[in-house]
N, C-alpha and C. Protein backbone atom coordinates (compact mmCIF):
# COMPACT_ATOMS: atom_id res chain seq x y z
N MET A 1 28.30 -13.93 -11.92
CA MET A 1 28.36 -12.65 -11.24
C MET A 1 28.68 -11.52 -12.22
N ALA A 2 29.54 -11.79 -13.19
CA ALA A 2 29.88 -10.76 -14.16
C ALA A 2 28.69 -10.37 -14.99
N ALA A 3 27.85 -11.36 -15.36
CA ALA A 3 26.65 -11.05 -16.14
C ALA A 3 25.71 -10.17 -15.33
N ALA A 4 25.58 -10.47 -14.03
CA ALA A 4 24.70 -9.66 -13.19
C ALA A 4 25.23 -8.24 -13.07
N ARG A 5 26.56 -8.09 -12.94
CA ARG A 5 27.13 -6.76 -12.87
C ARG A 5 26.87 -5.98 -14.15
N THR A 6 27.00 -6.63 -15.27
CA THR A 6 26.75 -5.95 -16.54
C THR A 6 25.30 -5.51 -16.62
N ALA A 7 24.37 -6.37 -16.19
CA ALA A 7 22.96 -6.03 -16.24
C ALA A 7 22.66 -4.83 -15.34
N TRP A 8 23.26 -4.80 -14.15
CA TRP A 8 23.00 -3.70 -13.24
C TRP A 8 23.71 -2.42 -13.65
N ALA A 9 24.73 -2.53 -14.49
CA ALA A 9 25.47 -1.34 -14.91
C ALA A 9 24.75 -0.59 -16.02
N ALA A 10 23.57 -1.05 -16.43
CA ALA A 10 22.84 -0.44 -17.53
C ALA A 10 22.53 1.04 -17.33
N PRO A 11 22.05 1.49 -16.15
CA PRO A 11 21.81 2.93 -15.99
C PRO A 11 23.09 3.63 -15.54
N PRO A 12 23.99 3.99 -16.46
CA PRO A 12 25.29 4.51 -16.06
C PRO A 12 25.23 5.81 -15.28
N GLY A 13 24.22 6.65 -15.49
CA GLY A 13 24.13 7.91 -14.78
C GLY A 13 24.04 7.71 -13.28
N ILE A 14 23.19 6.78 -12.85
CA ILE A 14 23.01 6.52 -11.43
C ILE A 14 24.28 5.92 -10.84
N VAL A 15 24.85 4.96 -11.56
CA VAL A 15 26.06 4.30 -11.07
C VAL A 15 27.20 5.31 -10.96
N GLN A 16 27.39 6.12 -11.98
CA GLN A 16 28.46 7.11 -11.95
C GLN A 16 28.24 8.11 -10.82
N TYR A 17 26.98 8.50 -10.61
CA TYR A 17 26.71 9.45 -9.53
C TYR A 17 27.07 8.83 -8.18
N LEU A 18 26.59 7.60 -7.94
CA LEU A 18 26.88 6.96 -6.66
C LEU A 18 28.37 6.75 -6.45
N GLN A 19 29.07 6.38 -7.51
CA GLN A 19 30.50 6.12 -7.38
C GLN A 19 31.33 7.40 -7.38
N GLY A 20 30.80 8.47 -7.98
CA GLY A 20 31.57 9.70 -8.10
C GLY A 20 31.37 10.69 -6.96
N THR A 21 30.42 10.45 -6.09
CA THR A 21 30.17 11.40 -5.01
C THR A 21 31.16 11.30 -3.86
N GLY A 22 31.88 10.21 -3.80
CA GLY A 22 32.79 10.01 -2.68
C GLY A 22 32.11 9.41 -1.46
N ILE A 23 30.79 9.16 -1.58
CA ILE A 23 30.08 8.50 -0.48
C ILE A 23 30.55 7.06 -0.42
N PRO A 24 30.93 6.57 0.74
CA PRO A 24 31.35 5.17 0.84
C PRO A 24 30.21 4.25 0.41
N PRO A 25 30.53 3.13 -0.24
CA PRO A 25 29.48 2.22 -0.70
C PRO A 25 28.53 1.75 0.40
N TRP A 26 29.04 1.54 1.60
CA TRP A 26 28.16 1.09 2.69
C TRP A 26 27.13 2.14 3.03
N LEU A 27 27.54 3.43 3.00
CA LEU A 27 26.63 4.52 3.34
C LEU A 27 25.60 4.73 2.22
N ALA A 28 26.05 4.61 0.97
CA ALA A 28 25.12 4.73 -0.15
C ALA A 28 24.06 3.63 -0.08
N THR A 29 24.46 2.42 0.26
CA THR A 29 23.52 1.31 0.40
C THR A 29 22.52 1.58 1.52
N LEU A 30 23.01 2.08 2.64
CA LEU A 30 22.15 2.41 3.77
C LEU A 30 21.13 3.47 3.37
N PHE A 31 21.56 4.52 2.66
CA PHE A 31 20.66 5.59 2.23
C PHE A 31 19.61 5.08 1.25
N ILE A 32 20.02 4.26 0.29
CA ILE A 32 19.07 3.71 -0.68
C ILE A 32 17.98 2.91 0.04
N ALA A 33 18.37 2.13 1.04
CA ALA A 33 17.40 1.32 1.79
C ALA A 33 16.44 2.18 2.59
N MET A 34 16.84 3.39 2.95
CA MET A 34 15.98 4.29 3.71
C MET A 34 14.92 4.96 2.84
N LEU A 35 15.12 4.98 1.54
CA LEU A 35 14.22 5.71 0.65
C LEU A 35 12.93 4.95 0.39
N PRO A 36 11.79 5.67 0.39
CA PRO A 36 10.55 5.00 0.02
C PRO A 36 10.63 4.51 -1.42
N ILE A 37 9.87 3.55 -1.75
CA ILE A 37 9.81 2.87 -3.05
C ILE A 37 11.01 1.96 -3.24
N PHE A 38 12.25 2.47 -3.10
CA PHE A 38 13.44 1.64 -3.30
C PHE A 38 13.60 0.65 -2.16
N GLU A 39 13.66 1.14 -0.95
CA GLU A 39 13.83 0.34 0.25
C GLU A 39 14.90 -0.73 0.04
N LEU A 40 14.79 -1.87 0.71
CA LEU A 40 15.85 -2.87 0.57
C LEU A 40 15.79 -3.61 -0.75
N ARG A 41 14.61 -3.61 -1.40
CA ARG A 41 14.52 -4.29 -2.70
C ARG A 41 15.37 -3.59 -3.76
N GLY A 42 15.71 -2.33 -3.55
CA GLY A 42 16.63 -1.64 -4.44
C GLY A 42 18.04 -1.64 -3.89
N ALA A 43 18.15 -1.57 -2.56
CA ALA A 43 19.47 -1.45 -1.93
C ALA A 43 20.30 -2.72 -2.04
N ILE A 44 19.67 -3.88 -1.93
CA ILE A 44 20.43 -5.13 -1.97
C ILE A 44 21.07 -5.35 -3.35
N PRO A 45 20.32 -5.24 -4.46
CA PRO A 45 20.99 -5.41 -5.75
C PRO A 45 22.03 -4.33 -6.04
N VAL A 46 21.73 -3.08 -5.70
CA VAL A 46 22.68 -2.01 -5.98
C VAL A 46 23.94 -2.16 -5.13
N GLY A 47 23.76 -2.43 -3.84
CA GLY A 47 24.91 -2.56 -2.95
C GLY A 47 25.83 -3.71 -3.34
N SER A 48 25.22 -4.85 -3.68
CA SER A 48 26.05 -6.03 -3.97
C SER A 48 26.53 -6.07 -5.42
N GLN A 49 25.69 -5.67 -6.35
CA GLN A 49 26.03 -5.82 -7.77
C GLN A 49 26.69 -4.58 -8.37
N VAL A 50 26.33 -3.39 -7.89
CA VAL A 50 26.86 -2.16 -8.47
C VAL A 50 28.00 -1.60 -7.62
N LEU A 51 27.78 -1.53 -6.32
CA LEU A 51 28.77 -0.91 -5.45
C LEU A 51 29.82 -1.89 -4.95
N GLY A 52 29.62 -3.18 -5.20
CA GLY A 52 30.64 -4.18 -4.91
C GLY A 52 30.80 -4.59 -3.47
N LEU A 53 29.79 -4.35 -2.64
CA LEU A 53 29.88 -4.79 -1.25
C LEU A 53 29.63 -6.29 -1.15
N PRO A 54 30.19 -6.95 -0.15
CA PRO A 54 29.85 -8.36 0.07
C PRO A 54 28.35 -8.48 0.35
N LEU A 55 27.76 -9.55 -0.12
CA LEU A 55 26.31 -9.71 -0.04
C LEU A 55 25.81 -9.68 1.41
N ALA A 56 26.49 -10.35 2.32
CA ALA A 56 26.05 -10.37 3.72
C ALA A 56 26.04 -8.96 4.31
N GLU A 57 27.07 -8.19 4.03
CA GLU A 57 27.13 -6.80 4.51
C GLU A 57 26.03 -5.96 3.88
N THR A 58 25.79 -6.17 2.60
CA THR A 58 24.74 -5.43 1.90
C THR A 58 23.37 -5.72 2.50
N VAL A 59 23.09 -6.98 2.78
CA VAL A 59 21.79 -7.34 3.35
C VAL A 59 21.63 -6.72 4.73
N ALA A 60 22.66 -6.80 5.56
CA ALA A 60 22.58 -6.22 6.91
C ALA A 60 22.36 -4.71 6.85
N LEU A 61 23.11 -4.02 6.00
CA LEU A 61 22.94 -2.57 5.85
C LEU A 61 21.56 -2.23 5.32
N SER A 62 21.06 -3.04 4.40
CA SER A 62 19.76 -2.78 3.80
C SER A 62 18.62 -2.96 4.81
N VAL A 63 18.72 -3.97 5.66
CA VAL A 63 17.70 -4.18 6.69
C VAL A 63 17.73 -3.01 7.68
N VAL A 64 18.92 -2.64 8.14
CA VAL A 64 19.04 -1.52 9.08
C VAL A 64 18.52 -0.24 8.44
N GLY A 65 18.96 0.04 7.21
CA GLY A 65 18.51 1.25 6.53
C GLY A 65 17.02 1.29 6.30
N ASN A 66 16.44 0.15 5.96
CA ASN A 66 15.00 0.08 5.71
C ASN A 66 14.21 0.34 7.00
N MET A 67 14.75 -0.09 8.13
CA MET A 67 14.03 0.07 9.40
C MET A 67 14.25 1.44 10.05
N LEU A 68 15.32 2.15 9.71
CA LEU A 68 15.62 3.43 10.38
C LEU A 68 14.46 4.44 10.34
N PRO A 69 13.80 4.64 9.21
CA PRO A 69 12.72 5.64 9.22
C PRO A 69 11.39 5.13 9.78
N ILE A 70 11.27 3.85 10.08
CA ILE A 70 9.96 3.29 10.42
C ILE A 70 9.46 3.75 11.78
N ALA A 71 10.30 3.74 12.80
CA ALA A 71 9.85 4.20 14.13
C ALA A 71 9.38 5.66 14.07
N PRO A 72 10.15 6.59 13.45
CA PRO A 72 9.64 7.95 13.35
C PRO A 72 8.33 8.05 12.57
N ILE A 73 8.18 7.25 11.51
CA ILE A 73 6.93 7.28 10.75
C ILE A 73 5.77 6.83 11.64
N LEU A 74 5.95 5.72 12.34
CA LEU A 74 4.88 5.22 13.21
C LEU A 74 4.52 6.22 14.31
N LEU A 75 5.52 6.90 14.87
CA LEU A 75 5.28 7.83 15.96
C LEU A 75 4.77 9.19 15.50
N LEU A 76 5.22 9.65 14.33
CA LEU A 76 4.96 11.04 13.93
C LEU A 76 3.98 11.22 12.78
N LEU A 77 3.58 10.15 12.11
CA LEU A 77 2.71 10.32 10.94
C LEU A 77 1.40 11.01 11.30
N GLY A 78 0.80 10.62 12.40
CA GLY A 78 -0.46 11.24 12.82
C GLY A 78 -0.32 12.72 13.10
N PRO A 79 0.56 13.12 14.04
CA PRO A 79 0.69 14.54 14.34
C PRO A 79 1.17 15.38 13.15
N VAL A 80 2.12 14.85 12.38
CA VAL A 80 2.64 15.61 11.24
C VAL A 80 1.57 15.77 10.16
N SER A 81 0.84 14.69 9.86
CA SER A 81 -0.20 14.78 8.82
C SER A 81 -1.31 15.72 9.27
N ASP A 82 -1.69 15.70 10.56
CA ASP A 82 -2.71 16.62 11.06
C ASP A 82 -2.26 18.07 10.92
N TRP A 83 -1.01 18.33 11.30
CA TRP A 83 -0.50 19.69 11.25
C TRP A 83 -0.37 20.19 9.80
N LEU A 84 0.22 19.34 8.91
CA LEU A 84 0.42 19.76 7.52
C LEU A 84 -0.88 19.83 6.73
N SER A 85 -1.89 19.08 7.14
CA SER A 85 -3.15 19.06 6.40
C SER A 85 -3.92 20.38 6.50
N ARG A 86 -3.45 21.29 7.32
CA ARG A 86 -4.07 22.61 7.39
C ARG A 86 -3.89 23.38 6.07
N TRP A 87 -2.86 23.02 5.31
CA TRP A 87 -2.63 23.64 4.02
C TRP A 87 -3.21 22.74 2.93
N PRO A 88 -3.93 23.30 1.98
CA PRO A 88 -4.65 22.49 0.99
C PRO A 88 -3.76 21.52 0.21
N LEU A 89 -2.57 21.93 -0.18
CA LEU A 89 -1.70 21.04 -0.95
C LEU A 89 -1.34 19.79 -0.15
N PHE A 90 -0.94 19.98 1.10
CA PHE A 90 -0.59 18.84 1.94
C PHE A 90 -1.83 18.03 2.30
N GLY A 91 -2.95 18.71 2.50
CA GLY A 91 -4.19 18.01 2.80
C GLY A 91 -4.56 17.04 1.69
N LYS A 92 -4.44 17.50 0.45
CA LYS A 92 -4.73 16.63 -0.70
C LYS A 92 -3.73 15.48 -0.79
N PHE A 93 -2.46 15.77 -0.51
CA PHE A 93 -1.45 14.72 -0.55
C PHE A 93 -1.76 13.63 0.47
N PHE A 94 -2.07 14.01 1.71
CA PHE A 94 -2.34 13.00 2.73
C PHE A 94 -3.65 12.26 2.45
N GLN A 95 -4.65 12.92 1.88
CA GLN A 95 -5.86 12.21 1.47
C GLN A 95 -5.52 11.14 0.43
N TRP A 96 -4.71 11.52 -0.56
CA TRP A 96 -4.30 10.56 -1.60
C TRP A 96 -3.50 9.41 -0.99
N LEU A 97 -2.52 9.75 -0.15
CA LEU A 97 -1.66 8.73 0.46
C LEU A 97 -2.47 7.74 1.28
N PHE A 98 -3.37 8.24 2.12
CA PHE A 98 -4.14 7.37 2.99
C PHE A 98 -5.15 6.55 2.20
N ALA A 99 -5.77 7.14 1.18
CA ALA A 99 -6.70 6.37 0.33
C ALA A 99 -5.96 5.27 -0.42
N ARG A 100 -4.79 5.60 -0.95
CA ARG A 100 -3.99 4.61 -1.68
C ARG A 100 -3.56 3.48 -0.75
N THR A 101 -3.14 3.83 0.45
CA THR A 101 -2.70 2.81 1.41
C THR A 101 -3.87 1.91 1.81
N ARG A 102 -5.04 2.51 2.08
CA ARG A 102 -6.21 1.70 2.44
C ARG A 102 -6.59 0.74 1.32
N SER A 103 -6.51 1.22 0.08
CA SER A 103 -6.94 0.39 -1.06
C SER A 103 -6.01 -0.79 -1.31
N ARG A 104 -4.78 -0.71 -0.83
CA ARG A 104 -3.81 -1.78 -1.08
C ARG A 104 -3.53 -2.64 0.15
N SER A 105 -4.28 -2.43 1.20
CA SER A 105 -3.93 -3.13 2.44
C SER A 105 -5.08 -3.94 3.01
N ASP A 106 -5.84 -4.59 2.15
CA ASP A 106 -6.92 -5.46 2.62
C ASP A 106 -6.39 -6.58 3.52
N ILE A 107 -5.20 -7.08 3.20
CA ILE A 107 -4.61 -8.17 3.98
C ILE A 107 -4.36 -7.72 5.43
N ILE A 108 -4.02 -6.46 5.63
CA ILE A 108 -3.77 -5.95 6.98
C ILE A 108 -5.10 -5.83 7.72
N ARG A 109 -6.11 -5.32 7.04
CA ARG A 109 -7.42 -5.19 7.65
C ARG A 109 -7.94 -6.56 8.11
N LYS A 110 -7.69 -7.58 7.31
CA LYS A 110 -8.23 -8.90 7.59
C LYS A 110 -7.42 -9.67 8.63
N TYR A 111 -6.09 -9.64 8.53
CA TYR A 111 -5.24 -10.48 9.38
C TYR A 111 -4.40 -9.70 10.39
N GLU A 112 -4.54 -8.41 10.45
CA GLU A 112 -3.85 -7.52 11.39
C GLU A 112 -2.33 -7.70 11.36
N LEU A 113 -1.73 -8.15 12.47
CA LEU A 113 -0.26 -8.19 12.54
C LEU A 113 0.36 -9.15 11.53
N ILE A 114 -0.23 -10.33 11.36
CA ILE A 114 0.30 -11.27 10.37
C ILE A 114 0.13 -10.67 8.97
N GLY A 115 -1.00 -10.04 8.74
CA GLY A 115 -1.21 -9.37 7.45
C GLY A 115 -0.22 -8.25 7.21
N LEU A 116 0.08 -7.48 8.26
CA LEU A 116 1.06 -6.40 8.15
C LEU A 116 2.43 -6.98 7.79
N MET A 117 2.82 -8.05 8.47
CA MET A 117 4.11 -8.69 8.19
C MET A 117 4.16 -9.18 6.74
N LEU A 118 3.09 -9.85 6.28
CA LEU A 118 3.07 -10.37 4.91
C LEU A 118 3.05 -9.25 3.88
N PHE A 119 2.32 -8.17 4.18
CA PHE A 119 2.26 -7.02 3.29
C PHE A 119 3.65 -6.43 3.07
N VAL A 120 4.41 -6.30 4.14
CA VAL A 120 5.77 -5.75 4.05
C VAL A 120 6.71 -6.75 3.39
N ALA A 121 6.47 -8.04 3.60
CA ALA A 121 7.39 -9.09 3.13
C ALA A 121 7.41 -9.23 1.62
N VAL A 122 6.34 -8.85 0.94
CA VAL A 122 6.28 -9.00 -0.52
C VAL A 122 7.06 -7.84 -1.14
N PRO A 123 8.20 -8.12 -1.77
CA PRO A 123 9.04 -7.02 -2.27
C PRO A 123 8.57 -6.46 -3.61
N LEU A 124 7.42 -5.78 -3.58
CA LEU A 124 6.87 -5.14 -4.77
C LEU A 124 6.83 -3.64 -4.56
N PRO A 125 6.74 -2.86 -5.63
CA PRO A 125 6.76 -1.40 -5.49
C PRO A 125 5.64 -0.80 -4.65
N VAL A 126 4.48 -1.44 -4.54
CA VAL A 126 3.38 -0.85 -3.77
C VAL A 126 3.31 -1.38 -2.34
N THR A 127 4.28 -2.18 -1.95
CA THR A 127 4.32 -2.69 -0.59
C THR A 127 5.65 -2.30 0.03
N GLY A 128 5.87 -2.68 1.25
CA GLY A 128 7.15 -2.38 1.89
C GLY A 128 6.96 -1.75 3.24
N ALA A 129 8.06 -1.44 3.90
CA ALA A 129 8.02 -0.95 5.26
C ALA A 129 7.36 0.43 5.38
N TRP A 130 7.63 1.32 4.42
CA TRP A 130 7.02 2.65 4.46
C TRP A 130 5.50 2.57 4.38
N THR A 131 5.00 1.85 3.39
CA THR A 131 3.55 1.72 3.22
C THR A 131 2.97 0.93 4.39
N GLY A 132 3.70 -0.08 4.86
CA GLY A 132 3.25 -0.84 6.02
C GLY A 132 3.11 0.04 7.26
N ALA A 133 4.04 0.96 7.46
CA ALA A 133 3.96 1.88 8.60
C ALA A 133 2.74 2.80 8.47
N ALA A 134 2.49 3.29 7.25
CA ALA A 134 1.30 4.13 7.03
C ALA A 134 0.03 3.33 7.29
N ALA A 135 0.00 2.07 6.84
CA ALA A 135 -1.17 1.22 7.06
C ALA A 135 -1.36 0.93 8.55
N ALA A 136 -0.27 0.68 9.26
CA ALA A 136 -0.36 0.43 10.70
C ALA A 136 -0.97 1.64 11.40
N PHE A 137 -0.56 2.83 11.00
CA PHE A 137 -1.14 4.05 11.56
C PHE A 137 -2.63 4.13 11.23
N LEU A 138 -2.99 3.90 9.97
CA LEU A 138 -4.39 4.01 9.55
C LEU A 138 -5.31 3.02 10.25
N PHE A 139 -4.81 1.81 10.50
CA PHE A 139 -5.65 0.78 11.13
C PHE A 139 -5.49 0.73 12.64
N GLY A 140 -4.76 1.69 13.20
CA GLY A 140 -4.66 1.81 14.65
C GLY A 140 -3.88 0.71 15.33
N ILE A 141 -2.89 0.15 14.64
CA ILE A 141 -2.05 -0.89 15.26
C ILE A 141 -1.04 -0.20 16.17
N ARG A 142 -0.92 -0.67 17.38
CA ARG A 142 -0.02 -0.04 18.36
C ARG A 142 1.43 -0.10 17.90
N PHE A 143 2.24 0.80 18.45
CA PHE A 143 3.61 1.01 17.99
C PHE A 143 4.46 -0.25 18.04
N TRP A 144 4.62 -0.88 19.21
CA TRP A 144 5.56 -2.00 19.33
C TRP A 144 5.14 -3.22 18.50
N PRO A 145 3.85 -3.62 18.54
CA PRO A 145 3.46 -4.74 17.67
C PRO A 145 3.66 -4.41 16.19
N ALA A 146 3.35 -3.18 15.79
CA ALA A 146 3.53 -2.78 14.39
C ALA A 146 5.01 -2.81 14.01
N LEU A 147 5.86 -2.27 14.88
CA LEU A 147 7.30 -2.26 14.60
C LEU A 147 7.83 -3.69 14.46
N GLY A 148 7.39 -4.59 15.34
CA GLY A 148 7.83 -5.98 15.26
C GLY A 148 7.38 -6.67 13.98
N ALA A 149 6.11 -6.47 13.60
CA ALA A 149 5.58 -7.09 12.39
C ALA A 149 6.30 -6.54 11.15
N ILE A 150 6.54 -5.24 11.13
CA ILE A 150 7.24 -4.64 9.99
C ILE A 150 8.68 -5.18 9.91
N PHE A 151 9.34 -5.31 11.04
CA PHE A 151 10.71 -5.83 11.06
C PHE A 151 10.76 -7.26 10.51
N LEU A 152 9.83 -8.11 10.94
CA LEU A 152 9.79 -9.47 10.41
C LEU A 152 9.52 -9.48 8.91
N GLY A 153 8.63 -8.59 8.46
CA GLY A 153 8.36 -8.47 7.03
C GLY A 153 9.58 -8.03 6.24
N VAL A 154 10.35 -7.09 6.81
CA VAL A 154 11.58 -6.62 6.17
C VAL A 154 12.59 -7.77 6.07
N LEU A 155 12.70 -8.57 7.12
CA LEU A 155 13.62 -9.72 7.07
C LEU A 155 13.22 -10.71 5.98
N ILE A 156 11.93 -10.99 5.86
CA ILE A 156 11.46 -11.91 4.82
C ILE A 156 11.71 -11.32 3.43
N ALA A 157 11.39 -10.03 3.26
CA ALA A 157 11.64 -9.38 1.97
C ALA A 157 13.13 -9.41 1.64
N GLY A 158 13.98 -9.20 2.64
CA GLY A 158 15.43 -9.27 2.43
C GLY A 158 15.87 -10.64 1.96
N ALA A 159 15.28 -11.69 2.54
CA ALA A 159 15.61 -13.06 2.12
C ALA A 159 15.17 -13.31 0.68
N ILE A 160 13.99 -12.82 0.32
CA ILE A 160 13.48 -13.02 -1.05
C ILE A 160 14.37 -12.29 -2.05
N VAL A 161 14.67 -11.02 -1.78
CA VAL A 161 15.50 -10.25 -2.70
C VAL A 161 16.91 -10.83 -2.79
N THR A 162 17.45 -11.29 -1.67
CA THR A 162 18.79 -11.90 -1.68
C THR A 162 18.79 -13.16 -2.55
N ALA A 163 17.75 -13.97 -2.41
CA ALA A 163 17.64 -15.19 -3.23
C ALA A 163 17.58 -14.83 -4.71
N LEU A 164 16.82 -13.79 -5.06
CA LEU A 164 16.73 -13.37 -6.46
C LEU A 164 18.08 -12.85 -6.97
N VAL A 165 18.80 -12.11 -6.13
CA VAL A 165 20.12 -11.62 -6.53
C VAL A 165 21.08 -12.79 -6.75
N LEU A 166 21.03 -13.77 -5.86
CA LEU A 166 21.91 -14.94 -6.01
C LEU A 166 21.58 -15.74 -7.26
N MET A 167 20.32 -15.70 -7.68
CA MET A 167 19.91 -16.42 -8.89
C MET A 167 20.32 -15.69 -10.17
N GLY A 168 20.75 -14.45 -10.05
CA GLY A 168 21.21 -13.68 -11.22
C GLY A 168 20.11 -13.48 -12.24
N ILE A 169 20.38 -13.82 -13.47
CA ILE A 169 19.42 -13.60 -14.56
C ILE A 169 18.15 -14.42 -14.33
N TRP A 170 18.29 -15.60 -13.72
CA TRP A 170 17.11 -16.42 -13.44
C TRP A 170 16.24 -15.74 -12.39
N GLY A 171 16.86 -15.08 -11.44
CA GLY A 171 16.10 -14.32 -10.45
C GLY A 171 15.33 -13.19 -11.08
N ALA A 172 15.98 -12.49 -12.03
CA ALA A 172 15.29 -11.42 -12.75
C ALA A 172 14.13 -11.97 -13.55
N LEU A 173 14.33 -13.13 -14.16
CA LEU A 173 13.25 -13.77 -14.92
C LEU A 173 12.09 -14.16 -14.02
N VAL A 174 12.38 -14.76 -12.88
CA VAL A 174 11.33 -15.13 -11.93
C VAL A 174 10.57 -13.89 -11.46
N ALA A 175 11.31 -12.85 -11.09
CA ALA A 175 10.68 -11.61 -10.63
C ALA A 175 9.80 -11.02 -11.73
N GLY A 176 10.30 -11.02 -12.96
CA GLY A 176 9.51 -10.50 -14.08
C GLY A 176 8.24 -11.30 -14.32
N LEU A 177 8.33 -12.61 -14.22
CA LEU A 177 7.13 -13.45 -14.39
C LEU A 177 6.12 -13.21 -13.28
N VAL A 178 6.59 -13.12 -12.06
CA VAL A 178 5.68 -12.87 -10.94
C VAL A 178 5.01 -11.52 -11.09
N LEU A 179 5.78 -10.48 -11.42
CA LEU A 179 5.20 -9.15 -11.61
C LEU A 179 4.20 -9.14 -12.76
N SER A 180 4.52 -9.84 -13.84
CA SER A 180 3.59 -9.92 -14.97
C SER A 180 2.30 -10.61 -14.57
N PHE A 181 2.42 -11.70 -13.81
CA PHE A 181 1.23 -12.42 -13.34
C PHE A 181 0.38 -11.53 -12.45
N LEU A 182 1.02 -10.81 -11.51
CA LEU A 182 0.28 -9.94 -10.62
C LEU A 182 -0.40 -8.80 -11.37
N ALA A 183 0.29 -8.23 -12.36
CA ALA A 183 -0.30 -7.17 -13.16
C ALA A 183 -1.50 -7.69 -13.95
N ALA A 184 -1.35 -8.86 -14.56
CA ALA A 184 -2.45 -9.46 -15.32
C ALA A 184 -3.63 -9.77 -14.41
N SER A 185 -3.35 -10.25 -13.20
CA SER A 185 -4.42 -10.54 -12.24
C SER A 185 -5.17 -9.27 -11.85
N ALA A 186 -4.41 -8.19 -11.62
CA ALA A 186 -5.05 -6.92 -11.25
C ALA A 186 -5.93 -6.41 -12.37
N VAL A 187 -5.45 -6.50 -13.60
CA VAL A 187 -6.26 -6.06 -14.75
C VAL A 187 -7.51 -6.93 -14.87
N TRP A 188 -7.35 -8.24 -14.71
CA TRP A 188 -8.49 -9.16 -14.80
C TRP A 188 -9.54 -8.84 -13.73
N ARG A 189 -9.10 -8.58 -12.48
CA ARG A 189 -10.04 -8.22 -11.42
C ARG A 189 -10.75 -6.93 -11.72
N ALA A 190 -10.01 -5.94 -12.25
CA ALA A 190 -10.62 -4.66 -12.60
C ALA A 190 -11.67 -4.80 -13.69
N VAL A 191 -11.36 -5.62 -14.69
CA VAL A 191 -12.33 -5.85 -15.78
C VAL A 191 -13.57 -6.56 -15.24
N ARG A 192 -13.37 -7.57 -14.40
CA ARG A 192 -14.49 -8.32 -13.82
C ARG A 192 -15.35 -7.41 -12.94
N ALA A 193 -14.71 -6.52 -12.18
CA ALA A 193 -15.45 -5.61 -11.30
C ALA A 193 -16.33 -4.67 -12.11
N ARG A 194 -15.85 -4.23 -13.26
CA ARG A 194 -16.65 -3.33 -14.12
C ARG A 194 -17.83 -4.05 -14.76
N GLN A 195 -17.67 -5.35 -15.00
CA GLN A 195 -18.75 -6.11 -15.63
C GLN A 195 -19.87 -6.41 -14.66
N VAL A 196 -19.56 -6.44 -13.37
CA VAL A 196 -20.58 -6.79 -12.37
C VAL A 196 -21.50 -5.65 -12.07
């Protein structure tokens, strides 16, 4: 555990900021889990290894925090994107966001709810509950089924990240190898697509 704490203490600016703001560790963990990109895959290691919360409490807070913005995203993404797209800057942003989401969500297109759950369950930077909610909107998945699939995906992602945290340096090594394999596979597919 001490080795893991030392590894997570590497970015001292972030740690000092979180610890120096006076925000209780549980609330900081909840907020981190609510943020896009970080979500629970960032909140679980930070909450347990940096902020010193018990792992079970960290996981529960991270799941709740990760799910808090999802219902509003599912309900409001359509009307908000339509309204904001009247301005060119926002219009370009939503075009980019929706194109990026479509390009990374073939599994959802093919398997629908199970695909949505699996898409959210893989704790990688281009997947997660936020992107899953955007994909559910784009593919016209109804609110309650989408919310349920995303919740199950968040639970699976939480279990994966928790297992990696418990493995300490070995978990980091496994995650690094998996990410390297996925990056190499993506490059290989891109090269093959250009050759065809």
